[in-house]
Amino acid sequence: PRGVRPYVDLRLEAIFGDLALVTRPAIETRLTRDPDWPGRKDLKVTGREVEAYLSAQFRWARLYYGQMDRNWGPEGVPGIGLSNYGYPRPELGLEVGNDRFRLTALASALADVTDSLGRVNHRYFFAHRLDATVTHRLRLGLWETVVLGGPDRSFDARYRNPVTLLLLANQYGLGDQGNVLLGLDATWRVGRTTLQGQFGLDDFQYQNRSSPTRTPDRYAFTLAATGPLGRRLAWHALYTQASSLAFRTSNPLEDFTDQGVGLGRSFADDDQVTLRVTAPVTVRWLVTPELTLLRQGQGRITDPFPQGTARGSTPTLFIGTVERTWRAALGLSGQEGPLALSANAGVHYIQNDGNQPGRTRTRFVGRIQATLGLGRAGRF
């Protein structure tokens, strides 16, 4: 709304043997109208670093410091443990291994939170994953993420150990405070079809499930599949779900959020099914029709965690009135010379709009982005 938002960025990259330096500052005037933007909103011209990092890359290892977008989820949906839904944060990272066996770890500080007593609470985030190619058709990944927070909290060294199972060694071992999310990924090629799955578990109530104060299971999962359709087309389908209390806990400092935005998913208490078909129009252009159904309960990732009997009466999925959004859309993407174009337009038919019973609404939702890219490289 209210006109076109200009955007410009400049990518600078330098390679010195095994050392890489990359920075991409941008002027992006739409930021002040983005509710997830954590920076200043009182300016007419705003900027940010899209990516900025230094990396030392060797045969079996890579060290990294800086920021870039990351997404651990299947294509088309934010990852459960880590995604690029929010804006990137500076982090220290490590990769060891090769395409058959790889260990990845990264650590970053989250924004401090000042509580009602005026105390400054420090928050930290650590994530690590182990990827293994079992066969040429099957690839598995085991991962953990953890959020630590408190007024005198430090980034404990044992929470930054990339080869420790945090859930066992700390939460079920030493018993220190920290919210650990455990996940499993799988990619399996069956014929010409590729199946993908991701599952994240924050808490499973295996004792006293009938207790009036029990905590509902907190989880999220995604199932996706893609493959060819005839000789020219491709299809993609996914179903994803996040339980009503996913990504939050009784200590709000340990929620999987940073300044109110999810570190992985930014929405809970919902599910979504999406079907897409991709068709080439010419050599350089693709058209993608899409059908989606999104169901959203009244649970929000920033809501306080229910206490006492209210927690026991909270449903595992869909709190209160469920909003349903039916979406029919068409996407277009491609490039001609230095000009790249990405556009998507859809009609949303919303039942129980805003989780209000009986309220319906029809909306047009569109986005178009045109980018003119010019580059130059050489030896120095």
Protein backbone atom coordinates (compact mmCIF):
# COMPACT_ATOMS: atom_id res chain seq x y z
CA PRO A 1 0.00 0.00 0.00
CA ARG A 2 0.88 3.67 -0.47
CA GLY A 3 3.17 3.31 -3.45
CA VAL A 4 6.38 1.68 -4.57
CA ARG A 5 9.24 1.07 -2.11
CA PRO A 6 12.68 1.50 -3.73
CA TYR A 7 15.52 -0.75 -2.70
CA VAL A 8 19.23 -0.86 -3.49
CA ASP A 9 22.09 -2.99 -2.21
CA LEU A 10 25.78 -3.36 -2.94
CA ARG A 11 27.54 -6.70 -2.57
CA LEU A 12 31.30 -6.63 -2.00
CA GLU A 13 33.22 -9.89 -1.89
CA ALA A 14 36.94 -10.59 -1.53
CA ILE A 15 38.79 -13.94 -1.51
CA PHE A 16 42.29 -14.26 -0.02
CA GLY A 17 43.26 -17.92 -0.37
CA ASP A 18 41.12 -19.77 2.21
CA LEU A 19 39.69 -16.54 3.62
CA ALA A 20 36.46 -14.95 2.33
CA LEU A 21 35.04 -11.54 3.25
CA VAL A 22 31.49 -10.61 2.17
CA THR A 23 29.34 -7.59 2.94
CA ARG A 24 26.03 -6.49 1.40
CA PRO A 25 24.64 -3.22 2.83
CA ALA A 26 21.20 -2.16 1.62
CA ILE A 27 18.93 0.87 1.65
CA GLU A 28 15.44 -0.54 2.14
CA THR A 29 12.70 2.00 2.76
CA ARG A 30 9.96 -0.59 3.37
CA LEU A 31 11.51 -1.57 6.73
CA THR A 32 9.61 1.09 8.70
CA ARG A 33 6.34 -0.58 7.67
CA ASP A 34 7.44 -4.11 8.53
CA PRO A 35 6.02 -5.11 11.95
CA ASP A 36 8.87 -7.63 12.36
CA TRP A 37 11.61 -5.04 11.80
CA PRO A 38 13.45 -4.58 15.14
CA GLY A 39 15.16 -1.31 14.20
CA ARG A 40 14.18 2.34 13.98
CA LYS A 41 10.79 3.25 12.53
CA ASP A 42 11.07 7.06 12.74
CA LEU A 43 13.15 7.48 9.58
CA LYS A 44 12.18 7.99 5.96
CA VAL A 45 15.33 6.21 4.73
CA THR A 46 16.41 3.05 6.57
CA GLY A 47 19.20 0.58 5.92
CA ARG A 48 20.48 -2.78 7.07
CA GLU A 49 23.14 -5.39 6.39
CA VAL A 50 21.56 -8.15 4.33
CA GLU A 51 24.64 -10.27 4.91
CA ALA A 52 28.08 -9.57 6.33
CA TYR A 53 30.53 -12.27 7.29
CA LEU A 54 34.12 -13.47 7.38
CA SER A 55 34.78 -17.14 6.63
CA ALA A 56 37.88 -19.33 6.72
CA GLN A 57 37.26 -22.35 4.49
CA PHE A 58 39.43 -25.45 4.47
CA ARG A 59 39.01 -28.95 3.07
CA TRP A 60 37.26 -30.49 6.08
CA ALA A 61 36.27 -27.44 8.13
CA ARG A 62 34.84 -23.95 7.84
CA LEU A 63 34.93 -21.22 10.50
CA TYR A 64 32.48 -18.37 10.21
CA TYR A 65 31.58 -15.12 11.93
CA GLY A 66 28.90 -12.71 10.77
CA GLN A 67 25.32 -12.84 9.58
CA MET A 68 23.37 -14.36 6.71
CA ASP A 69 19.95 -15.90 6.11
CA ARG A 70 19.62 -19.57 7.06
CA ASN A 71 16.69 -21.94 6.72
CA TRP A 72 16.72 -25.54 7.98
CA GLY A 73 13.24 -26.35 6.67
CA PRO A 74 12.01 -27.86 3.40
CA GLU A 75 11.51 -25.51 0.48
CA GLY A 76 8.51 -23.22 0.77
CA VAL A 77 8.15 -23.16 4.57
CA PRO A 78 10.23 -21.73 7.45
CA GLY A 79 12.34 -24.29 9.29
CA ILE A 80 11.16 -25.37 12.73
CA GLY A 81 14.46 -24.93 14.57
CA LEU A 82 16.03 -22.20 12.44
CA SER A 83 14.75 -20.14 9.52
CA ASN A 84 15.14 -16.89 7.63
CA TYR A 85 11.69 -15.60 8.62
CA GLY A 86 13.24 -12.91 10.81
CA TYR A 87 16.25 -10.72 10.17
CA PRO A 88 19.70 -12.34 10.59
CA ARG A 89 21.84 -11.85 13.69
CA PRO A 90 25.65 -11.92 14.02
CA GLU A 91 26.73 -15.44 14.97
CA LEU A 92 29.83 -17.57 15.37
CA GLY A 93 29.65 -20.77 13.34
CA LEU A 94 31.56 -23.96 12.62
CA GLU A 95 31.20 -26.67 9.97
CA VAL A 96 33.20 -29.92 10.00
CA GLY A 97 32.95 -32.78 7.52
CA ASN A 98 31.99 -33.33 3.90
CA ASP A 99 28.85 -34.07 1.85
CA ARG A 100 28.53 -37.52 3.42
CA PHE A 101 28.93 -36.51 7.06
CA ARG A 102 28.69 -32.92 8.34
CA LEU A 103 28.49 -31.29 11.77
CA THR A 104 27.23 -27.69 11.93
CA ALA A 105 27.11 -25.45 15.02
CA LEU A 106 26.36 -21.77 15.54
CA ALA A 107 26.00 -19.50 18.55
CA SER A 108 24.58 -15.99 18.84
CA ALA A 109 23.39 -13.48 21.43
CA LEU A 110 19.73 -12.43 21.33
CA ALA A 111 18.43 -9.00 22.25
CA ASP A 112 18.39 -8.23 25.99
CA VAL A 113 15.00 -7.92 27.71
CA THR A 114 14.26 -5.48 30.56
CA ASP A 115 11.69 -6.87 33.01
CA SER A 116 9.15 -5.08 35.22
CA LEU A 117 11.76 -4.71 37.99
CA GLY A 118 14.16 -2.87 35.68
CA ARG A 119 16.59 -5.80 35.48
CA VAL A 120 18.36 -6.47 32.19
CA ASN A 121 17.98 -10.11 31.17
CA HIS A 122 20.57 -11.58 28.81
CA ARG A 123 19.47 -14.16 26.22
CA TYR A 124 21.52 -16.55 24.07
CA PHE A 125 20.83 -18.98 21.24
CA PHE A 126 22.78 -22.08 20.21
CA ALA A 127 22.00 -24.53 17.40
CA HIS A 128 23.81 -27.59 16.10
CA ARG A 129 22.99 -30.38 13.68
CA LEU A 130 24.50 -33.57 12.34
CA ASP A 131 23.76 -34.48 8.70
CA ALA A 132 24.54 -37.91 7.29
CA THR A 133 24.05 -39.37 3.81
CA VAL A 134 22.92 -42.93 4.58
CA THR A 135 22.52 -43.96 0.93
CA HIS A 136 22.42 -42.06 -2.33
CA ARG A 137 18.64 -41.82 -1.82
CA LEU A 138 18.36 -41.23 1.95
CA ARG A 139 19.76 -38.34 3.98
CA LEU A 140 19.11 -37.80 7.71
CA GLY A 141 19.71 -34.87 10.03
CA LEU A 142 19.58 -34.66 13.82
CA TRP A 143 19.51 -31.18 15.35
CA GLU A 144 19.02 -29.26 18.57
CA THR A 145 18.44 -25.60 19.38
CA VAL A 146 18.44 -24.01 22.83
CA VAL A 147 17.55 -20.59 24.27
CA LEU A 148 19.04 -19.42 27.57
CA GLY A 149 17.84 -16.33 29.45
CA GLY A 150 18.01 -14.63 32.84
CA PRO A 151 19.11 -11.48 34.70
CA ASP A 152 22.59 -12.83 35.46
CA ARG A 153 22.72 -15.42 32.71
CA SER A 154 25.98 -16.20 30.94
CA PHE A 155 26.47 -18.29 27.82
CA ASP A 156 27.52 -21.47 29.67
CA ALA A 157 30.31 -23.31 27.85
CA ARG A 158 28.54 -26.67 28.06
CA TYR A 159 25.64 -25.22 26.03
CA ARG A 160 28.10 -24.36 23.26
CA ASN A 161 29.57 -27.84 22.89
CA PRO A 162 28.75 -28.90 19.31
CA VAL A 163 29.16 -32.66 20.00
CA THR A 164 27.02 -32.82 23.17
CA LEU A 165 23.41 -33.97 23.16
CA LEU A 166 22.09 -30.96 25.06
CA LEU A 167 18.77 -32.53 26.02
CA LEU A 168 20.45 -35.47 27.77
CA ALA A 169 23.60 -33.84 29.18
CA ASN A 170 21.99 -30.67 30.50
CA GLN A 171 18.21 -30.72 30.78
CA TYR A 172 17.99 -34.39 31.86
CA GLY A 173 21.51 -34.44 33.30
CA LEU A 174 22.85 -31.42 35.15
CA GLY A 175 19.34 -29.96 35.28
CA ASP A 176 20.31 -26.39 34.44
CA GLN A 177 17.65 -24.06 33.09
CA GLY A 178 17.35 -23.80 29.32
CA ASN A 179 14.71 -24.50 26.70
CA VAL A 180 15.91 -27.25 24.32
CA LEU A 181 14.16 -28.10 21.05
CA LEU A 182 15.11 -31.48 19.54
CA GLY A 183 14.54 -32.23 15.86
CA LEU A 184 14.93 -34.78 13.10
CA ASP A 185 15.06 -34.21 9.32
CA ALA A 186 14.81 -36.76 6.51
CA THR A 187 15.09 -36.54 2.72
CA TRP A 188 14.24 -39.69 0.73
CA ARG A 189 14.18 -40.09 -3.03
CA VAL A 190 11.62 -42.65 -4.18
CA GLY A 191 11.81 -43.06 -7.93
CA ARG A 192 11.44 -39.59 -9.40
CA THR A 193 9.74 -38.24 -6.25
CA THR A 194 11.59 -36.60 -3.36
CA LEU A 195 10.02 -36.86 0.10
CA GLN A 196 11.05 -34.54 2.93
CA GLY A 197 10.12 -34.47 6.59
CA GLN A 198 11.03 -32.36 9.57
CA PHE A 199 9.93 -32.88 13.18
CA GLY A 200 10.68 -30.75 16.22
CA LEU A 201 9.77 -31.64 19.81
CA ASP A 202 9.99 -29.19 22.72
CA ASP A 203 8.07 -31.13 25.37
CA PHE A 204 6.20 -34.44 25.55
CA GLN A 205 4.13 -35.16 28.65
CA TYR A 206 4.87 -38.85 29.16
CA GLN A 207 3.72 -38.88 32.81
CA ASN A 208 0.36 -37.94 34.37
CA ARG A 209 -1.27 -37.19 31.03
CA SER A 210 -4.65 -37.05 32.77
CA SER A 211 -3.49 -34.41 35.27
CA PRO A 212 -5.57 -31.18 35.21
CA THR A 213 -2.33 -29.15 35.16
CA ARG A 214 -0.47 -31.19 32.56
CA THR A 215 1.38 -29.34 29.80
CA PRO A 216 0.04 -30.06 26.31
CA ASP A 217 2.61 -31.59 23.95
CA ARG A 218 4.66 -28.91 22.21
CA TYR A 219 5.78 -29.92 18.74
CA ALA A 220 5.86 -28.95 15.07
CA PHE A 221 6.34 -30.97 11.88
CA THR A 222 6.43 -30.60 8.11
CA LEU A 223 5.86 -33.19 5.37
CA ALA A 224 6.72 -32.24 1.80
CA ALA A 225 7.01 -33.96 -1.57
CA THR A 226 8.10 -32.83 -5.01
CA GLY A 227 8.62 -34.40 -8.41
CA PRO A 228 8.17 -34.08 -12.17
CA LEU A 229 4.75 -33.92 -13.81
CA GLY A 230 4.99 -35.10 -17.38
CA ARG A 231 7.95 -33.89 -19.41
CA ARG A 232 7.81 -30.15 -18.67
CA LEU A 233 5.99 -29.55 -15.38
CA ALA A 234 6.88 -30.06 -11.72
CA TRP A 235 4.66 -30.43 -8.65
CA HIS A 236 5.20 -29.62 -4.99
CA ALA A 237 3.00 -30.44 -2.00
CA LEU A 238 3.45 -29.81 1.71
CA TYR A 239 1.60 -30.12 4.99
CA THR A 240 2.87 -28.47 8.16
CA GLN A 241 1.53 -28.13 11.70
CA ALA A 242 2.60 -26.42 14.93
CA SER A 243 0.87 -27.18 18.23
CA SER A 244 -0.89 -24.52 20.26
CA LEU A 245 1.97 -23.91 22.73
CA ALA A 246 4.90 -24.60 20.38
CA PHE A 247 8.04 -22.43 20.69
CA ARG A 248 7.14 -20.97 24.11
CA THR A 249 7.52 -22.09 27.70
CA SER A 250 6.69 -21.07 31.27
CA ASN A 251 9.78 -18.80 31.34
CA PRO A 252 9.16 -16.21 28.58
CA LEU A 253 12.91 -15.46 28.45
CA GLU A 254 13.39 -18.95 27.00
CA ASP A 255 10.80 -18.70 24.23
CA PHE A 256 12.17 -19.40 20.74
CA THR A 257 11.83 -15.75 19.73
CA ASP A 258 14.01 -12.69 19.34
CA GLN A 259 12.26 -9.33 19.86
CA GLY A 260 8.90 -11.01 19.33
CA VAL A 261 9.84 -12.79 16.08
CA GLY A 262 10.39 -16.54 15.85
CA LEU A 263 13.91 -17.92 15.51
CA GLY A 264 12.43 -20.70 13.37
CA ARG A 265 8.69 -20.53 12.92
CA SER A 266 7.03 -17.29 13.95
CA PHE A 267 3.52 -18.74 14.24
CA ALA A 268 2.05 -21.55 16.32
CA ASP A 269 -1.39 -23.13 16.79
CA ASP A 270 -1.87 -23.61 13.06
CA ASP A 271 -1.58 -25.98 10.15
CA GLN A 272 -1.23 -25.48 6.40
CA VAL A 273 -1.59 -27.57 3.26
CA THR A 274 -0.21 -26.21 -0.04
CA LEU A 275 -0.20 -27.56 -3.60
CA ARG A 276 1.90 -25.97 -6.36
CA VAL A 277 2.63 -26.70 -10.02
CA THR A 278 5.55 -25.07 -11.83
CA ALA A 279 5.52 -24.62 -15.60
CA PRO A 280 8.18 -23.04 -17.84
CA VAL A 281 6.80 -20.36 -20.16
CA THR A 282 10.05 -19.74 -22.00
CA VAL A 283 13.64 -20.67 -21.30
CA ARG A 284 13.95 -17.95 -18.64
CA TRP A 285 10.47 -17.69 -17.09
CA LEU A 286 8.38 -19.85 -14.75
CA VAL A 287 4.68 -19.71 -13.86
CA THR A 288 3.52 -21.25 -10.56
CA PRO A 289 -0.18 -21.65 -9.70
CA GLU A 290 -0.87 -22.42 -6.03
CA LEU A 291 -3.72 -23.57 -3.78
CA THR A 292 -3.40 -23.26 0.01
CA LEU A 293 -5.56 -23.80 3.08
CA LEU A 294 -4.27 -22.25 6.33
CA ARG A 295 -6.02 -22.83 9.66
CA GLN A 296 -4.99 -20.56 12.55
CA GLY A 297 -6.15 -20.89 16.16
CA GLN A 298 -6.02 -18.10 18.71
CA GLY A 299 -2.66 -19.14 20.16
CA ARG A 300 0.21 -16.76 19.41
CA ILE A 301 3.93 -17.30 19.82
CA THR A 302 4.19 -14.15 21.98
CA ASP A 303 1.27 -15.01 24.33
CA PRO A 304 2.01 -15.72 28.02
CA PHE A 305 2.30 -19.41 28.84
CA PRO A 306 -0.86 -20.67 30.62
CA GLN A 307 -0.50 -21.62 34.27
CA GLY A 308 -2.20 -24.12 36.60
CA THR A 309 -5.50 -25.62 35.46
CA ALA A 310 -5.59 -23.22 32.48
CA ARG A 311 -2.55 -25.05 31.12
CA GLY A 312 -4.24 -28.44 31.51
CA SER A 313 -7.37 -27.25 29.70
CA THR A 314 -5.42 -25.84 26.74
CA PRO A 315 -5.98 -27.99 23.63
CA THR A 316 -2.92 -29.43 21.92
CA LEU A 317 -4.03 -27.81 18.65
CA PHE A 318 -6.40 -24.92 17.89
CA ILE A 319 -7.21 -22.66 20.81
CA GLY A 320 -10.62 -20.98 20.55
CA THR A 321 -12.13 -20.02 17.21
CA VAL A 322 -10.20 -21.21 14.17
CA GLU A 323 -9.58 -18.80 11.29
CA ARG A 324 -9.51 -20.47 7.86
CA THR A 325 -7.81 -18.86 4.87
CA TRP A 326 -8.39 -20.32 1.40
CA ARG A 327 -5.78 -19.02 -1.03
CA ALA A 328 -5.63 -19.25 -4.84
CA ALA A 329 -2.54 -17.60 -6.28
CA LEU A 330 -0.30 -17.33 -9.32
CA GLY A 331 3.45 -16.71 -9.26
CA LEU A 332 5.78 -15.49 -12.00
CA SER A 333 9.58 -15.41 -11.87
CA GLY A 334 12.40 -15.06 -14.34
CA GLN A 335 15.23 -12.95 -15.68
CA GLU A 336 16.07 -11.09 -18.85
CA GLY A 337 19.65 -9.87 -18.93
CA PRO A 338 20.38 -7.89 -15.73
CA LEU A 339 16.65 -7.54 -14.86
CA ALA A 340 15.13 -10.14 -12.51
CA LEU A 341 11.41 -10.18 -11.75
CA SER A 342 9.49 -11.98 -9.03
CA ALA A 343 5.73 -11.55 -8.67
CA ASN A 344 2.96 -13.31 -6.80
CA ALA A 345 -0.73 -12.46 -6.64
CA GLY A 346 -3.52 -14.30 -4.87
CA VAL A 347 -7.09 -14.09 -3.61
CA HIS A 348 -7.69 -14.97 0.05
CA TYR A 349 -11.13 -16.03 1.22
CA ILE A 350 -11.05 -15.85 5.03
CA GLN A 351 -13.60 -17.50 7.30
CA ASN A 352 -13.79 -16.37 10.96
CA ASP A 353 -11.50 -13.48 10.07
CA GLY A 354 -9.39 -12.38 13.04
CA ASN A 355 -10.69 -15.44 14.91
CA GLN A 356 -14.12 -13.76 15.08
CA PRO A 357 -16.96 -16.33 14.61
CA GLY A 358 -19.03 -15.83 11.46
CA ARG A 359 -16.91 -12.98 10.09
CA THR A 360 -15.81 -13.49 6.46
CA ARG A 361 -13.52 -11.44 4.28
CA THR A 362 -12.04 -11.60 0.78
CA ARG A 363 -8.65 -9.99 0.19
CA PHE A 364 -6.32 -9.53 -2.74
CA VAL A 365 -2.69 -10.08 -1.72
CA GLY A 366 0.08 -9.25 -4.18
CA ARG A 367 3.81 -8.70 -4.27
CA ILE A 368 6.10 -7.72 -7.11
CA GLN A 369 9.85 -7.19 -6.96
CA ALA A 370 12.04 -6.07 -9.85
CA THR A 371 15.81 -6.09 -9.40
CA LEU A 372 18.43 -4.68 -11.75
CA GLY A 373 21.76 -6.34 -11.02
CA LEU A 374 25.12 -5.19 -12.34
CA GLY A 375 28.41 -6.87 -11.36
CA ARG A 376 32.14 -6.75 -11.99
CA ALA A 377 34.92 -9.09 -10.86
CA GLY A 378 38.63 -9.53 -11.42
CA ARG A 379 42.03 -10.14 -9.89
CA PHE A 380 43.74 -7.74 -7.50
